[in-house]
C-alpha atoms as a PDB file:
ATOM      1  CA  UNK A   1       0.000   0.000   0.000  1.00  0.00           C
ATOM      2  CA  UNK A   2       1.307   3.409  -0.985  1.00  0.00           C
ATOM      3  CA  UNK A   3      -0.656   6.380   0.359  1.00  0.00           C
ATOM      4  CA  UNK A   4      -2.181   8.834  -2.096  1.00  0.00           C
ATOM      5  CA  UNK A   5       0.267  11.628  -2.874  1.00  0.00           C
ATOM      6  CA  UNK A   6       3.331   9.468  -2.211  1.00  0.00           C
ATOM      7  CA  UNK A   7       5.731   8.368  -4.947  1.00  0.00           C
ATOM      8  CA  UNK A   8       7.780   5.184  -5.238  1.00  0.00           C
ATOM      9  CA  UNK A   9      11.197   5.728  -6.828  1.00  0.00           C
ATOM     10  CA  UNK A  10      12.472   2.790  -8.858  1.00  0.00           C
ATOM     11  CA  UNK A  11      16.283   2.789  -9.009  1.00  0.00           C
ATOM     12  CA  UNK A  12      16.544   0.643 -12.119  1.00  0.00           C
ATOM     13  CA  UNK A  13      19.632   2.121 -13.783  1.00  0.00           C
ATOM     14  CA  UNK A  14      22.916   1.047 -12.230  1.00  0.00           C
ATOM     15  CA  UNK A  15      25.622   3.584 -11.455  1.00  0.00           C
ATOM     16  CA  UNK A  16      28.244   0.879 -10.968  1.00  0.00           C
ATOM     17  CA  UNK A  17      28.801  -0.251 -14.574  1.00  0.00           C
ATOM     18  CA  UNK A  18      29.013   1.757 -17.813  1.00  0.00           C
ATOM     19  CA  UNK A  19      26.837  -0.578 -19.912  1.00  0.00           C
ATOM     20  CA  UNK A  20      23.415   0.873 -20.590  1.00  0.00           C
ATOM     21  CA  UNK A  21      20.383  -1.121 -19.582  1.00  0.00           C
ATOM     22  CA  UNK A  22      17.980  -2.043 -22.376  1.00  0.00           C
ATOM     23  CA  UNK A  23      14.984   0.294 -22.491  1.00  0.00           C
ATOM     24  CA  UNK A  24      12.632  -2.655 -22.873  1.00  0.00           C
ATOM     25  CA  UNK A  25      14.025  -4.266 -19.715  1.00  0.00           C
ATOM     26  CA  UNK A  26      13.498  -1.076 -17.719  1.00  0.00           C
ATOM     27  CA  UNK A  27       9.972  -0.651 -19.095  1.00  0.00           C
ATOM     28  CA  UNK A  28       9.142  -4.255 -18.238  1.00  0.00           C
ATOM     29  CA  UNK A  29      10.269  -3.706 -14.639  1.00  0.00           C
ATOM     30  CA  UNK A  30       8.167  -0.536 -14.417  1.00  0.00           C
ATOM     31  CA  UNK A  31       5.211  -2.507 -15.758  1.00  0.00           C
ATOM     32  CA  UNK A  32       5.822  -5.199 -13.119  1.00  0.00           C
ATOM     33  CA  UNK A  33       5.875  -2.557 -10.369  1.00  0.00           C
ATOM     34  CA  UNK A  34       2.640  -1.064 -11.714  1.00  0.00           C
ATOM     35  CA  UNK A  35       0.878  -4.309 -10.806  1.00  0.00           C
ATOM     36  CA  UNK A  36       1.283  -3.249  -7.173  1.00  0.00           C
ATOM     37  CA  UNK A  37       1.359   0.558  -7.344  1.00  0.00           C
ATOM     38  CA  UNK A  38      -0.417   2.819  -9.829  1.00  0.00           C
ATOM     39  CA  UNK A  39       2.029   3.825 -12.558  1.00  0.00           C
ATOM     40  CA  UNK A  40       1.327   7.497 -11.775  1.00  0.00           C
ATOM     41  CA  UNK A  41       2.810   6.897  -8.317  1.00  0.00           C
ATOM     42  CA  UNK A  42       6.038   5.513  -9.785  1.00  0.00           C
ATOM     43  CA  UNK A  43       9.116   7.287 -11.054  1.00  0.00           C
ATOM     44  CA  UNK A  44      12.503   6.226 -12.392  1.00  0.00           C
ATOM     45  CA  UNK A  45      16.008   7.081 -11.223  1.00  0.00           C
ATOM     46  CA  UNK A  46      19.535   5.722 -11.101  1.00  0.00           C
ATOM     47  CA  UNK A  47      19.965   3.214  -8.270  1.00  0.00           C
ATOM     48  CA  UNK A  48      22.471   5.404  -6.420  1.00  0.00           C
ATOM     49  CA  UNK A  49      24.864   8.286  -6.891  1.00  0.00           C
ATOM     50  CA  UNK A  50      27.766   8.069  -9.298  1.00  0.00           C
ATOM     51  CA  UNK A  51      30.280   8.499  -6.468  1.00  0.00           C
ATOM     52  CA  UNK A  52      28.807   6.434  -3.679  1.00  0.00           C
ATOM     53  CA  UNK A  53      32.276   5.571  -2.377  1.00  0.00           C
ATOM     54  CA  UNK A  54      35.381   7.672  -1.759  1.00  0.00           C
ATOM     55  CA  UNK A  55      36.999   6.103  -4.824  1.00  0.00           C
ATOM     56  CA  UNK A  56      33.897   6.728  -6.926  1.00  0.00           C
ATOM     57  CA  UNK A  57      32.750   4.398  -9.676  1.00  0.00           C
ATOM     58  CA  UNK A  58      34.623   3.601 -12.861  1.00  0.00           C
ATOM     59  CA  UNK A  59      32.342   5.609 -15.136  1.00  0.00           C
ATOM     60  CA  UNK A  60      33.448   8.520 -17.274  1.00  0.00           C
ATOM     61  CA  UNK A  61      31.481  11.765 -17.379  1.00  0.00           C
ATOM     62  CA  UNK A  62      30.152  10.746 -20.784  1.00  0.00           C
ATOM     63  CA  UNK A  63      28.985   7.364 -19.463  1.00  0.00           C
ATOM     64  CA  UNK A  64      27.284   9.051 -16.515  1.00  0.00           C
ATOM     65  CA  UNK A  65      25.537  11.473 -18.870  1.00  0.00           C
ATOM     66  CA  UNK A  66      24.401   8.550 -21.048  1.00  0.00           C
ATOM     67  CA  UNK A  67      22.880   6.863 -17.975  1.00  0.00           C
ATOM     68  CA  UNK A  68      20.986  10.039 -17.079  1.00  0.00           C
ATOM     69  CA  UNK A  69      19.794  10.466 -20.685  1.00  0.00           C
ATOM     70  CA  UNK A  70      18.524   6.883 -20.564  1.00  0.00           C
ATOM     71  CA  UNK A  71      16.496   7.657 -17.429  1.00  0.00           C
ATOM     72  CA  UNK A  72      14.967  10.730 -19.099  1.00  0.00           C
ATOM     73  CA  UNK A  73      14.220   8.902 -22.369  1.00  0.00           C
ATOM     74  CA  UNK A  74      12.503   5.981 -20.651  1.00  0.00           C
ATOM     75  CA  UNK A  75      10.555   8.310 -18.351  1.00  0.00           C
ATOM     76  CA  UNK A  76       9.374  10.325 -21.369  1.00  0.00           C
ATOM     77  CA  UNK A  77       8.247   7.136 -23.108  1.00  0.00           C
ATOM     78  CA  UNK A  78       6.425   5.767 -20.055  1.00  0.00           C
ATOM     79  CA  UNK A  79       4.889   8.878 -18.479  1.00  0.00           C
ATOM     80  CA  UNK A  80       4.544  11.525 -21.201  1.00  0.00           C
END
């Protein structure tokens, strides 16, 4: 149960590896979550920050930007 007005954030894009997740895989996981929570109460984000440790993660700035673009593109396709 998620109260009205509350949002569930799905951290479905990893910040640990540079490979991009497949859009269809992310959309399928959002669809699975929508079986339990209305899709309008869901949102998408990276799973964590890009520097969650002192050493950071082995992703270049370009790879980080690509991950963020992926989040925006999938969100636009699902919610817009």
